[in-house]
Amino acid sequence: MIIGAGPGIGQAVARRFGREGWQIVLTGRSADRLATLAADLNAEGITAHIVPADATDPASLRAAVAKAEYLTGGLTAVHFNAGVVRNHDLFSMTDAEIAGDLAIDVTAGFNTIRAATEMFGGRGGTILVTGGGLGIHPSADWAVLGAGKAALRNIVQGLAEPMAERGIRIRIATVATLVAPDSAEASAAADVFWMLATDPNAAWEAVYPAA
């Protein structure tokens, strides 16, 4: 299940996992956009469902996770991929832009982790998070996006050990480059997410491109 499905990393991850035989669930706020993405995957022989939802709304997200669980017969992994890519410093943004971006970049991520953990329960599962290089190397020109990626990285690092004790793996791919749709970078990033999801010895964080 990819929350914040889009034409870049999200679609590349859907394609990578789908080609391995996984069912894919695409989630986002725009049903039309999801339908287009799913149609492209279906044309490649990949089973892709769409479940529109607003991840900033905890109740909406929990309902979407429950529906995805039903559609697939049991989710194995949940991937948080939402984010607002806004090239502004803190003082050039409006109050509403700051609040709205933080809701998507941070709150929606926390909602995803909580909903996935609740759904996995005692059976275990994998939670993947799209991080960013700005979370390690901040820039004043990308104020809220950088703060959001830092917050996601912080929570994943903090939860990795206690979640492992519950049989749930939580991992973040820190993507430190621009990624365009249908690009080599998108495919390479998807390979990193596949490694994080399938390698039992993977660390809590993988950086792409590798240093």
Protein backbone atom coordinates (compact mmCIF):
# COMPACT_ATOMS: atom_id res chain seq x y z
CA MET A 1 0.00 0.00 0.00
CA ILE A 2 1.51 3.29 -1.14
CA ILE A 3 0.19 6.36 0.66
CA GLY A 4 0.93 9.47 -1.33
CA ALA A 5 1.04 7.60 -4.64
CA GLY A 6 2.35 9.71 -7.50
CA PRO A 7 4.13 9.46 -10.84
CA GLY A 8 7.67 9.58 -9.43
CA ILE A 9 8.98 7.39 -6.61
CA GLY A 10 5.52 6.09 -5.76
CA GLN A 11 4.84 4.70 -9.22
CA ALA A 12 8.36 3.31 -9.52
CA VAL A 13 7.91 1.48 -6.21
CA ALA A 14 4.50 0.19 -7.31
CA ARG A 15 6.03 -1.11 -10.54
CA ARG A 16 9.03 -2.69 -8.77
CA PHE A 17 6.93 -4.56 -6.22
CA GLY A 18 4.18 -5.35 -8.72
CA ARG A 19 6.63 -7.03 -11.06
CA GLU A 20 7.57 -9.30 -8.16
CA GLY A 21 3.95 -10.44 -7.96
CA TRP A 22 2.76 -8.18 -5.16
CA GLN A 23 -0.70 -6.64 -5.26
CA ILE A 24 -0.52 -2.84 -5.12
CA VAL A 25 -2.85 -0.41 -3.41
CA LEU A 26 -2.53 3.24 -4.42
CA THR A 27 -3.76 5.86 -1.97
CA GLY A 28 -3.98 9.63 -2.29
CA ARG A 29 -6.49 12.45 -2.30
CA SER A 30 -7.22 12.52 -6.04
CA ALA A 31 -9.25 9.56 -7.29
CA ASP A 32 -8.70 10.61 -10.91
CA ARG A 33 -4.94 10.68 -10.49
CA LEU A 34 -4.96 7.31 -8.79
CA ALA A 35 -7.06 5.82 -11.58
CA THR A 36 -4.54 6.97 -14.18
CA LEU A 37 -1.62 5.51 -12.24
CA ALA A 38 -3.47 2.23 -11.67
CA ALA A 39 -4.39 1.95 -15.35
CA ASP A 40 -0.72 2.22 -16.31
CA LEU A 41 0.18 -0.55 -13.86
CA ASN A 42 -2.71 -2.77 -14.93
CA ALA A 43 -1.56 -2.42 -18.55
CA GLU A 44 1.73 -3.99 -17.47
CA GLY A 45 -0.05 -6.93 -15.86
CA ILE A 46 0.24 -5.59 -12.32
CA THR A 47 -2.77 -5.85 -10.01
CA ALA A 48 -3.36 -2.33 -8.69
CA HIS A 49 -6.25 -1.18 -6.52
CA ILE A 50 -7.11 2.43 -5.71
CA VAL A 51 -8.31 3.64 -2.31
CA PRO A 52 -8.67 7.43 -2.19
CA ALA A 53 -8.07 8.96 1.25
CA ASP A 54 -6.68 12.02 3.00
CA ALA A 55 -3.74 10.86 5.11
CA THR A 56 -3.88 14.03 7.22
CA ASP A 57 -7.23 12.74 8.56
CA PRO A 58 -6.57 9.80 10.92
CA ALA A 59 -10.07 8.35 10.58
CA SER A 60 -9.97 8.55 6.77
CA LEU A 61 -6.58 6.87 6.72
CA ARG A 62 -7.57 4.06 9.08
CA ALA A 63 -10.61 3.35 6.92
CA ALA A 64 -8.38 3.26 3.82
CA VAL A 65 -5.93 0.86 5.47
CA ALA A 66 -8.82 -1.40 6.48
CA LYS A 67 -10.14 -1.39 2.91
CA ALA A 68 -6.68 -2.14 1.52
CA GLU A 69 -6.39 -5.02 3.97
CA TYR A 70 -9.68 -6.40 2.67
CA LEU A 71 -8.85 -5.91 -1.02
CA THR A 72 -5.49 -7.65 -0.80
CA GLY A 73 -6.40 -10.35 1.67
CA GLY A 74 -3.78 -9.00 4.06
CA LEU A 75 -1.27 -6.20 3.70
CA THR A 76 2.43 -7.02 3.91
CA ALA A 77 3.91 -3.51 3.66
CA VAL A 78 2.75 0.10 3.90
CA HIS A 79 4.80 2.86 2.27
CA PHE A 80 4.44 6.53 3.22
CA ASN A 81 5.44 8.62 0.22
CA ALA A 82 3.51 11.90 0.61
CA GLY A 83 5.19 15.30 0.72
CA VAL A 84 4.88 18.87 -0.49
CA VAL A 85 7.90 19.94 -2.53
CA ARG A 86 7.89 23.69 -1.93
CA ASN A 87 11.04 25.74 -2.61
CA HIS A 88 10.46 28.55 -0.08
CA ASP A 89 12.16 29.77 3.04
CA LEU A 90 10.27 30.01 6.32
CA PHE A 91 9.52 33.71 5.97
CA SER A 92 8.17 33.68 2.43
CA MET A 93 5.45 31.14 3.24
CA THR A 94 1.99 32.00 4.49
CA ASP A 95 0.69 30.69 7.81
CA ALA A 96 -1.69 28.43 5.90
CA GLU A 97 1.10 27.04 3.70
CA ILE A 98 3.23 26.17 6.72
CA ALA A 99 0.36 24.46 8.52
CA GLY A 100 -0.79 22.63 5.41
CA ASP A 101 2.66 21.44 4.40
CA LEU A 102 3.46 20.19 7.90
CA ALA A 103 0.15 18.31 7.96
CA ILE A 104 1.14 16.41 4.81
CA ASP A 105 4.88 16.11 5.40
CA VAL A 106 4.74 15.11 9.08
CA THR A 107 1.27 14.49 10.51
CA ALA A 108 0.23 12.26 7.61
CA GLY A 109 3.41 10.25 8.08
CA PHE A 110 2.77 9.78 11.77
CA ASN A 111 -0.85 8.83 11.00
CA THR A 112 0.41 6.24 8.53
CA ILE A 113 2.82 4.68 11.01
CA ARG A 114 0.11 4.50 13.67
CA ALA A 115 -2.55 3.07 11.34
CA ALA A 116 -0.18 0.48 9.86
CA THR A 117 1.06 -0.61 13.28
CA GLU A 118 -2.50 -0.99 14.52
CA MET A 119 -3.44 -3.01 11.44
CA PHE A 120 -0.38 -5.30 11.55
CA GLY A 121 -1.01 -6.10 15.19
CA GLY A 122 0.86 -9.18 16.31
CA ARG A 123 1.34 -10.69 12.85
CA GLY A 124 4.11 -8.28 11.86
CA GLY A 125 4.74 -6.33 8.69
CA THR A 126 6.88 -3.65 7.11
CA ILE A 127 6.52 0.14 7.13
CA LEU A 128 8.53 2.08 4.56
CA VAL A 129 9.04 5.85 4.54
CA THR A 130 10.31 8.15 1.80
CA GLY A 131 12.90 10.39 3.39
CA GLY A 132 15.03 13.10 1.84
CA GLY A 133 18.55 14.45 1.87
CA LEU A 134 17.22 17.69 3.36
CA GLY A 135 16.51 15.71 6.53
CA ILE A 136 20.27 15.33 6.98
CA HIS A 137 21.56 18.42 5.19
CA PRO A 138 19.04 21.23 5.79
CA SER A 139 18.57 24.24 3.55
CA ALA A 140 16.84 27.47 4.52
CA ASP A 141 15.35 27.58 1.01
CA TRP A 142 13.41 24.35 1.59
CA ALA A 143 12.35 25.10 5.13
CA VAL A 144 9.25 23.02 5.78
CA LEU A 145 10.12 20.12 3.49
CA GLY A 146 13.51 19.77 5.21
CA ALA A 147 11.95 19.94 8.66
CA GLY A 148 9.41 17.33 7.64
CA LYS A 149 12.01 14.91 6.32
CA ALA A 150 14.06 15.38 9.49
CA ALA A 151 11.00 14.60 11.60
CA LEU A 152 10.28 11.42 9.64
CA ARG A 153 13.89 10.29 9.91
CA ASN A 154 13.85 10.96 13.65
CA ILE A 155 10.71 8.92 14.28
CA VAL A 156 11.87 6.00 12.14
CA GLN A 157 15.23 5.83 13.90
CA GLY A 158 13.55 6.06 17.29
CA LEU A 159 10.96 3.38 16.50
CA ALA A 160 13.16 0.88 14.67
CA GLU A 161 14.23 -1.08 17.74
CA PRO A 162 10.98 -1.12 19.76
CA MET A 163 8.94 -1.91 16.64
CA ALA A 164 11.26 -4.81 15.80
CA GLU A 165 10.40 -6.31 19.19
CA ARG A 166 6.76 -6.35 17.99
CA GLY A 167 7.66 -8.02 14.72
CA ILE A 168 7.25 -4.85 12.67
CA ARG A 169 10.10 -3.50 10.56
CA ILE A 170 10.18 0.25 9.93
CA ARG A 171 12.68 1.58 7.39
CA ILE A 172 13.40 4.88 5.65
CA ALA A 173 15.03 5.50 2.28
CA THR A 174 16.74 8.89 2.37
CA VAL A 175 16.56 10.03 -1.25
CA ALA A 176 19.20 12.71 -1.66
CA THR A 177 18.59 13.64 -5.29
CA LEU A 178 15.80 14.95 -7.49
CA VAL A 179 13.62 12.21 -8.92
CA ALA A 180 11.55 12.71 -12.07
CA PRO A 181 8.76 10.38 -13.24
CA ASP A 182 9.90 7.39 -15.31
CA SER A 183 13.55 8.22 -14.64
CA ALA A 184 16.57 6.08 -13.90
CA GLU A 185 16.65 7.72 -10.47
CA ALA A 186 13.07 6.66 -9.78
CA SER A 187 13.85 3.06 -10.69
CA ALA A 188 17.02 3.05 -8.59
CA ALA A 189 15.16 4.50 -5.60
CA ALA A 190 12.52 1.79 -5.99
CA ASP A 191 15.26 -0.82 -5.85
CA VAL A 192 16.33 0.65 -2.50
CA PHE A 193 12.78 0.33 -1.15
CA TRP A 194 12.64 -3.27 -2.39
CA MET A 195 15.87 -4.02 -0.54
CA LEU A 196 14.55 -2.42 2.65
CA ALA A 197 11.34 -4.44 2.42
CA THR A 198 12.90 -7.82 1.67
CA ASP A 199 16.35 -7.91 3.25
CA PRO A 200 15.95 -9.00 6.89
CA ASN A 201 19.38 -7.55 7.67
CA ALA A 202 18.71 -4.10 6.22
CA ALA A 203 19.46 -1.18 8.53
CA TRP A 204 16.73 1.28 9.54
CA GLU A 205 17.99 3.74 6.90
CA ALA A 206 19.36 3.46 3.38
CA VAL A 207 20.64 6.52 1.51
CA TYR A 208 20.24 6.93 -2.25
CA PRO A 209 22.46 7.63 -4.01
CA ALA A 210 24.95 5.95 -1.72
CA ALA A 211 27.75 8.19 -0.50
